[in-house]
Amino acid sequence: MSAKPEQAAVAEAARLASVTILAKRKDFRDLRFSNHDGSLPAAGPLVWICVLVITCLMLYVLQKVLLLVVPFLLALVLFYALFPVMARMVLQGMRRETAALIVIGVFCIVSAIALVAVLPKVISEFSDNQELIKRYIDGGIGLVTRSVTALEAHSKLIAQAHLSQALNDQVQSATGSFAGSVQSVMLGLLAWGPSLALVPFLTYFLLKDSRHFKLFLSRAVPNAFFETTLYLLHGVDKAARAYFQGLLRLTILDTLTLALGLWVIGLPAPFALGLIAAVLAWVPYVGSLLGGVTVALVAATDFAGDPSITFYTIGLFVFVRLLDDFIYMPMTIGKSLRIHPLITVLMIFVGGGVAGIPGLMLVLPLLGINLVIGETVGVMLTNARLVARYRQGRALRRWQARADLAMPGGG
């Protein structure tokens, strides 16, 4: 008599299993090709609200552990820069652990040699950094004052406002307070040394164990959402890779373009100045402005008798900014993050308000990754077939448990 319930349970379990497999295959096809390009459907307003709120909360939390966030961010940049080299070595038959160790070892050796070669020269040139900075600031002030004085000579309205005198008083007071804080700023930068030493260590384990981390995350979700989770992990990795690798390529293009332009203009150390300005541009808008002002101060100081050099330098930065917007960024970062320009600008201001300078650097990659996660989770929660698969999986496990209990000796 007990054979009939057992057979019925097994038959029902087989039916549920077949339905689950068919739904699984059909739903995965629908998920992967929901758009013509294989991407997920556009996020709705609720998903966008959740993404923006979570991004702001993450920025607020991350600024509290900035000494760990910055090394991890730099390690991500280095990971995506070195990963193609390691992947090529693995394809040649080398073990992943060995390839990661060789790649990061060569990078550390080259970095150490470069640091030993450059650091003494930098220390000798900038040993009196406070006087050097003050000299460049005075050069910029002199250029602005001379320009305003020339305008006053050609306009009675401007002359009656006494702009040159008022501007000179304001800038001199600000310069004095800034110059007095240079020493504390330099000491603060030195305090980042132990934290930055974590970058090669973190990069090595990212190269070595990134696939294990993906497997760990995928095993933590129910089987009904397994393919969706794989798609989510792939999307997050793709968005981060596109951003960071594109950022490196954009930095190289900006450095070469600025170095060539500054060399033509005649500024000293054009490659170093171009590299500094390109790296500062990692901070959206504010960094580009700061880099341009820094190089303009150098031009105004070293060529105090020829203000046209400074104006040529400013024109060069405007030209490179246009190149970034219309040519370089579409070639490198492109539209991989799929974020509207209006939301990008607003979130940059929000990131700066919530977390300061670190927020300006982190807001775009965090927003892009959270958007991928939000879109995928939105599909998982609203897709009727995925929910049906999850419920059928639970029902299948219940029928299997009942069949086990109905069998002789099953409990």
Protein backbone atom coordinates (compact mmCIF):
# COMPACT_ATOMS: atom_id res chain seq x y z
CA MET A 1 0.00 0.00 0.00
CA SER A 2 2.91 2.31 0.66
CA ALA A 3 4.18 1.88 -2.93
CA LYS A 4 1.40 4.00 -4.44
CA PRO A 5 2.11 7.18 -2.43
CA GLU A 6 5.81 6.69 -3.08
CA GLN A 7 5.27 6.29 -6.85
CA ALA A 8 2.95 9.28 -6.92
CA ALA A 9 5.50 11.40 -5.08
CA VAL A 10 8.29 10.35 -7.45
CA ALA A 11 6.09 11.04 -10.51
CA GLU A 12 5.11 14.46 -9.21
CA ALA A 13 8.75 15.23 -8.40
CA ALA A 14 9.79 14.23 -11.94
CA ARG A 15 7.05 16.43 -13.42
CA LEU A 16 8.14 19.39 -11.35
CA ALA A 17 11.77 18.78 -12.30
CA SER A 18 10.98 18.72 -16.03
CA VAL A 19 8.87 21.87 -15.76
CA THR A 20 11.68 23.57 -13.84
CA ILE A 21 14.31 22.63 -16.45
CA LEU A 22 12.14 23.84 -19.34
CA ALA A 23 11.33 27.10 -17.58
CA LYS A 24 14.98 27.47 -16.66
CA ARG A 25 16.15 27.18 -20.27
CA LYS A 26 13.44 29.43 -21.67
CA ASP A 27 13.84 32.04 -18.97
CA PHE A 28 17.60 32.21 -19.36
CA ARG A 29 17.18 32.84 -23.09
CA ASP A 30 14.68 35.60 -22.31
CA LEU A 31 17.03 37.10 -19.73
CA ARG A 32 20.15 37.11 -21.87
CA PHE A 33 18.49 38.61 -24.92
CA SER A 34 15.86 40.84 -23.43
CA ASN A 35 17.28 43.69 -25.55
CA HIS A 36 18.65 43.49 -29.08
CA ASP A 37 22.22 43.95 -27.83
CA GLY A 38 21.86 41.34 -25.09
CA SER A 39 21.67 43.88 -22.27
CA LEU A 40 19.11 44.05 -19.51
CA PRO A 41 16.02 46.23 -19.81
CA ALA A 42 16.40 49.87 -18.77
CA ALA A 43 16.00 50.50 -15.07
CA GLY A 44 12.68 51.91 -13.88
CA PRO A 45 12.21 54.85 -11.49
CA LEU A 46 12.06 52.65 -8.38
CA VAL A 47 15.33 50.94 -9.30
CA TRP A 48 16.97 54.31 -9.97
CA ILE A 49 15.84 55.70 -6.61
CA CYS A 50 17.23 52.66 -4.81
CA VAL A 51 20.51 52.88 -6.77
CA LEU A 52 20.98 56.59 -5.98
CA VAL A 53 20.17 56.16 -2.28
CA ILE A 54 22.47 53.13 -1.91
CA THR A 55 25.28 54.97 -3.74
CA CYS A 56 25.01 57.93 -1.36
CA LEU A 57 24.98 55.64 1.67
CA MET A 58 28.04 53.78 0.38
CA LEU A 59 29.89 57.07 -0.17
CA TYR A 60 29.08 58.16 3.39
CA VAL A 61 30.27 54.86 4.85
CA LEU A 62 33.40 54.61 2.67
CA GLN A 63 34.67 58.04 3.67
CA LYS A 64 34.92 56.73 7.24
CA VAL A 65 37.42 54.05 6.17
CA LEU A 66 39.26 56.10 3.58
CA LEU A 67 42.66 54.61 4.47
CA LEU A 68 41.37 51.26 3.19
CA VAL A 69 39.16 52.51 0.36
CA VAL A 70 41.89 54.40 -1.53
CA PRO A 71 44.36 51.44 -1.57
CA PHE A 72 41.57 49.11 -2.68
CA LEU A 73 40.55 51.54 -5.44
CA LEU A 74 44.15 51.80 -6.66
CA ALA A 75 44.45 48.00 -6.43
CA LEU A 76 41.39 47.67 -8.68
CA VAL A 77 42.96 50.02 -11.23
CA LEU A 78 46.20 48.01 -11.11
CA PHE A 79 44.28 44.71 -11.28
CA TYR A 80 42.49 45.66 -14.50
CA ALA A 81 45.76 47.00 -15.94
CA LEU A 82 47.74 43.81 -15.20
CA PHE A 83 44.99 41.24 -15.73
CA PRO A 84 45.44 41.00 -19.56
CA VAL A 85 49.13 40.20 -19.06
CA MET A 86 48.35 37.51 -16.48
CA ALA A 87 45.55 36.06 -18.64
CA ARG A 88 47.95 35.72 -21.58
CA MET A 89 50.44 33.87 -19.36
CA VAL A 90 47.68 31.52 -18.13
CA LEU A 91 46.65 30.79 -21.72
CA GLN A 92 50.26 29.79 -22.42
CA GLY A 93 49.90 27.02 -19.80
CA MET A 94 51.19 28.70 -16.63
CA ARG A 95 49.36 28.21 -13.33
CA ARG A 96 47.26 31.21 -12.28
CA GLU A 97 49.02 31.58 -8.92
CA THR A 98 52.47 31.56 -10.56
CA ALA A 99 51.41 34.03 -13.25
CA ALA A 100 49.95 36.42 -10.67
CA LEU A 101 53.12 36.23 -8.56
CA ILE A 102 55.38 36.92 -11.57
CA VAL A 103 53.27 39.83 -12.82
CA ILE A 104 53.02 41.58 -9.47
CA GLY A 105 56.69 40.82 -8.72
CA VAL A 106 57.88 42.42 -11.96
CA PHE A 107 55.63 45.42 -11.31
CA CYS A 108 57.03 45.90 -7.79
CA ILE A 109 60.64 45.63 -9.03
CA VAL A 110 60.09 48.16 -11.83
CA SER A 111 58.27 50.51 -9.44
CA ALA A 112 61.06 50.25 -6.87
CA ILE A 113 63.74 51.01 -9.48
CA ALA A 114 61.77 54.01 -10.75
CA LEU A 115 61.20 55.25 -7.20
CA VAL A 116 64.88 54.96 -6.29
CA ALA A 117 65.85 56.80 -9.47
CA VAL A 118 63.31 59.62 -9.18
CA LEU A 119 62.77 60.14 -5.43
CA PRO A 120 66.18 61.69 -4.57
CA LYS A 121 65.83 64.18 -7.41
CA VAL A 122 62.29 65.08 -6.35
CA ILE A 123 63.36 65.53 -2.72
CA SER A 124 66.30 67.73 -3.70
CA GLU A 125 64.18 69.92 -5.97
CA PHE A 126 61.27 70.23 -3.57
CA SER A 127 63.11 70.34 -0.25
CA ASP A 128 62.04 73.94 0.05
CA ASN A 129 58.52 73.16 -1.18
CA GLN A 130 56.83 75.94 0.78
CA GLU A 131 58.89 78.66 -0.89
CA LEU A 132 58.43 76.97 -4.28
CA ILE A 133 54.66 76.87 -3.98
CA LYS A 134 54.58 80.44 -2.74
CA ARG A 135 56.67 81.52 -5.73
CA TYR A 136 54.29 79.88 -8.20
CA ILE A 137 51.25 81.35 -6.46
CA ASP A 138 52.84 84.80 -6.52
CA GLY A 139 53.48 84.34 -10.23
CA GLY A 140 49.80 83.55 -10.81
CA ILE A 141 48.72 86.50 -8.71
CA GLY A 142 51.03 88.76 -10.67
CA LEU A 143 49.53 87.61 -13.96
CA VAL A 144 45.95 88.17 -12.75
CA THR A 145 46.84 91.58 -11.31
CA ARG A 146 48.54 92.69 -14.52
CA SER A 147 45.58 91.49 -16.60
CA VAL A 148 43.06 93.37 -14.44
CA THR A 149 45.24 96.48 -14.48
CA ALA A 150 45.34 96.34 -18.27
CA LEU A 151 41.55 96.09 -18.35
CA GLU A 152 41.26 99.08 -16.00
CA ALA A 153 43.44 101.10 -18.36
CA HIS A 154 40.97 100.46 -21.19
CA SER A 155 37.71 100.74 -19.25
CA LYS A 156 36.71 103.58 -16.93
CA LEU A 157 33.93 101.49 -15.40
CA ILE A 158 36.37 98.80 -14.29
CA ALA A 159 38.87 101.43 -13.14
CA GLN A 160 36.25 103.06 -10.90
CA ALA A 161 35.56 99.69 -9.24
CA HIS A 162 39.26 99.36 -8.20
CA LEU A 163 39.16 95.64 -8.99
CA SER A 164 42.93 95.19 -9.06
CA GLN A 165 43.40 96.53 -5.54
CA ALA A 166 40.48 94.54 -4.10
CA LEU A 167 41.58 91.38 -5.88
CA ASN A 168 45.16 91.77 -4.73
CA ASP A 169 44.10 92.21 -1.07
CA GLN A 170 41.83 89.18 -1.12
CA VAL A 171 44.31 86.90 -2.85
CA GLN A 172 47.22 87.95 -0.63
CA SER A 173 45.28 87.08 2.53
CA ALA A 174 44.23 83.72 1.09
CA THR A 175 47.79 83.03 -0.05
CA GLY A 176 49.21 83.63 3.39
CA SER A 177 46.89 81.13 5.03
CA PHE A 178 47.46 78.58 2.28
CA ALA A 179 51.25 78.83 2.40
CA GLY A 180 51.17 78.32 6.15
CA SER A 181 49.35 75.01 5.76
CA VAL A 182 51.68 73.48 3.14
CA GLN A 183 53.83 71.74 5.76
CA SER A 184 50.84 70.05 7.40
CA VAL A 185 49.57 68.94 3.99
CA MET A 186 52.92 67.36 3.13
CA LEU A 187 53.00 65.54 6.48
CA GLY A 188 49.47 64.31 5.85
CA LEU A 189 50.55 62.89 2.47
CA LEU A 190 53.44 61.06 4.13
CA ALA A 191 50.96 59.45 6.54
CA TRP A 192 49.41 57.66 3.54
CA GLY A 193 52.64 55.71 2.94
CA PRO A 194 51.78 52.57 4.98
CA SER A 195 48.27 52.51 3.53
CA LEU A 196 49.52 52.75 -0.07
CA ALA A 197 51.93 49.88 0.62
CA LEU A 198 48.84 47.63 0.67
CA VAL A 199 48.20 48.23 -3.05
CA PRO A 200 50.54 45.51 -4.46
CA PHE A 201 49.40 43.08 -1.73
CA LEU A 202 45.71 43.59 -2.56
CA THR A 203 46.40 43.45 -6.30
CA TYR A 204 48.14 40.08 -6.01
CA PHE A 205 45.17 38.47 -4.28
CA LEU A 206 42.74 40.06 -6.73
CA LEU A 207 44.72 38.52 -9.59
CA LYS A 208 45.03 35.17 -7.85
CA ASP A 209 41.61 34.67 -6.22
CA SER A 210 39.09 36.79 -8.15
CA ARG A 211 37.45 33.72 -9.72
CA HIS A 212 37.09 32.05 -6.30
CA PHE A 213 35.32 35.14 -5.02
CA LYS A 214 32.84 34.94 -7.91
CA LEU A 215 32.18 31.26 -7.17
CA PHE A 216 31.69 32.07 -3.49
CA LEU A 217 29.04 34.67 -4.33
CA SER A 218 27.26 32.49 -6.90
CA ARG A 219 26.95 29.57 -4.47
CA ALA A 220 25.18 31.77 -1.92
CA VAL A 221 22.03 32.24 -4.06
CA PRO A 222 19.19 29.78 -4.74
CA ASN A 223 19.57 27.58 -7.81
CA ALA A 224 16.63 29.29 -9.52
CA PHE A 225 18.62 32.54 -9.68
CA PHE A 226 21.98 30.93 -10.52
CA GLU A 227 22.20 32.03 -14.17
CA THR A 228 20.96 35.50 -13.27
CA THR A 229 23.65 35.76 -10.60
CA LEU A 230 26.32 34.75 -13.11
CA TYR A 231 25.00 37.41 -15.46
CA LEU A 232 25.08 39.93 -12.60
CA LEU A 233 28.70 39.13 -11.71
CA HIS A 234 29.68 39.33 -15.36
CA GLY A 235 27.93 42.69 -15.68
CA VAL A 236 29.61 44.14 -12.59
CA ASP A 237 33.02 42.92 -13.74
CA LYS A 238 32.40 44.28 -17.23
CA ALA A 239 31.34 47.70 -15.93
CA ALA A 240 34.32 47.98 -13.57
CA ARG A 241 36.78 46.75 -16.23
CA ALA A 242 35.42 49.16 -18.83
CA TYR A 243 35.68 52.08 -16.42
CA PHE A 244 39.14 51.45 -14.97
CA GLN A 245 40.84 50.26 -18.17
CA GLY A 246 39.22 53.12 -20.05
CA LEU A 247 40.44 55.52 -17.35
CA LEU A 248 44.02 54.28 -17.81
CA ARG A 249 43.84 54.66 -21.59
CA LEU A 250 42.34 58.13 -21.20
CA THR A 251 45.18 59.09 -18.81
CA ILE A 252 47.79 57.96 -21.35
CA LEU A 253 46.14 59.91 -24.18
CA ASP A 254 45.78 63.05 -22.04
CA THR A 255 49.39 62.80 -20.86
CA LEU A 256 50.80 62.48 -24.38
CA THR A 257 48.60 65.25 -25.78
CA LEU A 258 49.36 67.67 -22.95
CA ALA A 259 53.08 66.83 -23.00
CA LEU A 260 53.27 67.48 -26.75
CA GLY A 261 51.38 70.76 -26.43
CA LEU A 262 53.42 71.99 -23.46
CA TRP A 263 56.63 71.05 -25.29
CA VAL A 264 55.56 73.08 -28.32
CA ILE A 265 54.67 76.05 -26.08
CA GLY A 266 58.07 75.80 -24.37
CA LEU A 267 57.25 74.92 -20.75
CA PRO A 268 59.88 73.01 -18.73
CA ALA A 269 59.30 69.31 -17.88
CA PRO A 270 56.29 68.96 -20.22
CA PHE A 271 55.83 65.21 -19.68
CA ALA A 272 55.81 65.52 -15.87
CA LEU A 273 53.33 68.41 -15.98
CA GLY A 274 51.11 66.55 -18.45
CA LEU A 275 51.15 63.40 -16.29
CA ILE A 276 50.26 65.36 -13.14
CA ALA A 277 47.36 67.09 -14.89
CA ALA A 278 46.11 63.81 -16.42
CA VAL A 279 46.15 62.02 -13.05
CA LEU A 280 44.40 64.94 -11.34
CA ALA A 281 41.69 64.62 -14.00
CA TRP A 282 40.66 61.34 -12.32
CA VAL A 283 38.64 63.62 -10.04
CA PRO A 284 35.85 64.73 -12.40
CA TYR A 285 35.72 68.45 -13.28
CA VAL A 286 37.48 69.61 -10.11
CA GLY A 287 40.64 67.64 -10.95
CA SER A 288 40.78 68.97 -14.53
CA LEU A 289 40.42 72.53 -13.23
CA LEU A 290 43.10 71.98 -10.58
CA GLY A 291 45.52 70.50 -13.14
CA GLY A 292 44.98 73.39 -15.52
CA VAL A 293 45.49 75.97 -12.77
CA THR A 294 48.67 74.22 -11.60
CA VAL A 295 50.28 74.26 -15.05
CA ALA A 296 49.07 77.83 -15.66
CA LEU A 297 50.80 78.92 -12.42
CA VAL A 298 54.04 77.33 -13.62
CA ALA A 299 53.74 79.17 -16.96
CA ALA A 300 52.90 82.49 -15.28
CA THR A 301 55.95 82.19 -12.99
CA ASP A 302 58.58 80.90 -15.41
CA PHE A 303 57.45 83.27 -18.19
CA ALA A 304 56.42 86.29 -16.15
CA GLY A 305 57.46 88.68 -18.91
CA ASP A 306 55.43 86.89 -21.59
CA PRO A 307 51.77 86.45 -20.54
CA SER A 308 50.93 84.96 -23.92
CA ILE A 309 52.58 81.68 -22.80
CA THR A 310 50.07 81.40 -19.97
CA PHE A 311 47.14 82.08 -22.28
CA TYR A 312 48.45 79.49 -24.75
CA THR A 313 48.61 77.02 -21.85
CA ILE A 314 45.02 77.75 -20.84
CA GLY A 315 43.94 77.37 -24.45
CA LEU A 316 45.73 74.01 -24.62
CA PHE A 317 43.80 72.72 -21.60
CA VAL A 318 40.50 73.88 -23.08
CA PHE A 319 41.40 72.10 -26.33
CA VAL A 320 42.31 68.87 -24.48
CA ARG A 321 39.06 69.09 -22.51
CA LEU A 322 37.13 69.22 -25.79
CA LEU A 323 39.16 66.29 -27.11
CA ASP A 324 38.24 64.33 -23.97
CA ASP A 325 34.54 65.02 -24.33
CA PHE A 326 34.18 64.36 -28.06
CA ILE A 327 36.98 61.95 -29.04
CA TYR A 328 39.02 60.44 -26.19
CA MET A 329 36.23 59.47 -23.79
CA PRO A 330 34.07 57.80 -26.47
CA MET A 331 37.21 55.87 -27.54
CA THR A 332 38.13 54.77 -23.99
CA ILE A 333 35.40 54.88 -21.35
CA GLY A 334 32.64 55.47 -23.89
CA LYS A 335 29.06 54.78 -22.83
CA SER A 336 29.88 51.63 -20.89
CA LEU A 337 28.28 52.92 -17.70
CA ARG A 338 25.10 53.93 -19.59
CA ILE A 339 24.43 56.88 -17.28
CA HIS A 340 22.70 60.02 -18.52
CA PRO A 341 24.99 63.11 -18.47
CA LEU A 342 22.53 65.04 -16.27
CA ILE A 343 22.56 62.30 -13.62
CA THR A 344 26.36 62.11 -13.92
CA VAL A 345 26.80 65.82 -13.18
CA LEU A 346 24.26 65.79 -10.32
CA MET A 347 25.85 62.71 -8.71
CA ILE A 348 29.31 64.30 -8.95
CA PHE A 349 28.05 67.24 -6.89
CA VAL A 350 26.25 64.89 -4.51
CA GLY A 351 29.38 62.76 -4.13
CA GLY A 352 31.47 65.85 -3.37
CA GLY A 353 28.92 67.03 -0.82
CA VAL A 354 28.63 63.65 0.91
CA ALA A 355 32.27 62.49 0.91
CA GLY A 356 34.42 65.40 -0.33
CA ILE A 357 37.26 64.74 -2.79
CA PRO A 358 37.07 60.92 -2.31
CA GLY A 359 33.38 61.13 -3.17
CA LEU A 360 34.20 62.84 -6.47
CA MET A 361 36.53 59.97 -7.38
CA LEU A 362 34.30 57.12 -6.22
CA VAL A 363 30.83 58.27 -7.22
CA LEU A 364 30.91 57.29 -10.93
CA PRO A 365 32.30 53.73 -10.59
CA LEU A 366 30.03 53.08 -7.59
CA LEU A 367 27.01 54.43 -9.47
CA GLY A 368 27.80 52.30 -12.54
CA ILE A 369 28.24 49.10 -10.51
CA ASN A 370 25.15 49.75 -8.39
CA LEU A 371 23.15 50.41 -11.55
CA VAL A 372 24.14 47.00 -12.97
CA ILE A 373 23.21 45.34 -9.68
CA GLY A 374 19.93 47.24 -9.47
CA GLU A 375 18.91 46.36 -13.03
CA THR A 376 19.69 42.67 -12.51
CA VAL A 377 17.97 42.44 -9.12
CA GLY A 378 14.98 44.27 -10.60
CA VAL A 379 14.76 41.60 -13.32
CA MET A 380 15.08 38.83 -10.73
CA LEU A 381 12.25 40.20 -8.57
CA THR A 382 9.83 41.13 -11.36
CA ASN A 383 10.35 38.26 -13.80
CA ALA A 384 7.40 35.89 -13.40
CA ARG A 385 9.30 32.87 -14.74
CA LEU A 386 12.20 33.36 -12.33
CA VAL A 387 9.81 33.58 -9.39
CA ALA A 388 7.94 30.49 -10.68
CA ARG A 389 11.24 28.60 -10.96
CA TYR A 390 12.10 29.47 -7.38
CA ARG A 391 8.69 28.34 -6.12
CA GLN A 392 8.83 25.15 -8.18
CA GLY A 393 12.26 24.41 -6.80
CA ARG A 394 10.93 24.70 -3.26
CA ALA A 395 7.97 22.49 -4.13
CA LEU A 396 10.33 19.94 -5.68
CA ARG A 397 12.44 19.82 -2.53
CA ARG A 398 9.31 19.34 -0.42
CA TRP A 399 8.13 16.45 -2.62
CA GLN A 400 11.55 14.88 -2.44
CA ALA A 401 11.49 15.14 1.34
CA ARG A 402 8.01 13.57 1.47
CA ALA A 403 9.13 10.77 -0.85
CA ASP A 404 12.12 10.07 1.40
CA LEU A 405 9.86 9.99 4.45
CA ALA A 406 7.35 7.71 2.71
CA MET A 407 10.00 5.14 1.84
CA PRO A 408 10.49 2.25 4.30
CA GLY A 409 13.04 3.29 6.90
CA GLY A 410 12.82 6.92 5.80
CA GLY A 411 11.78 8.12 9.23
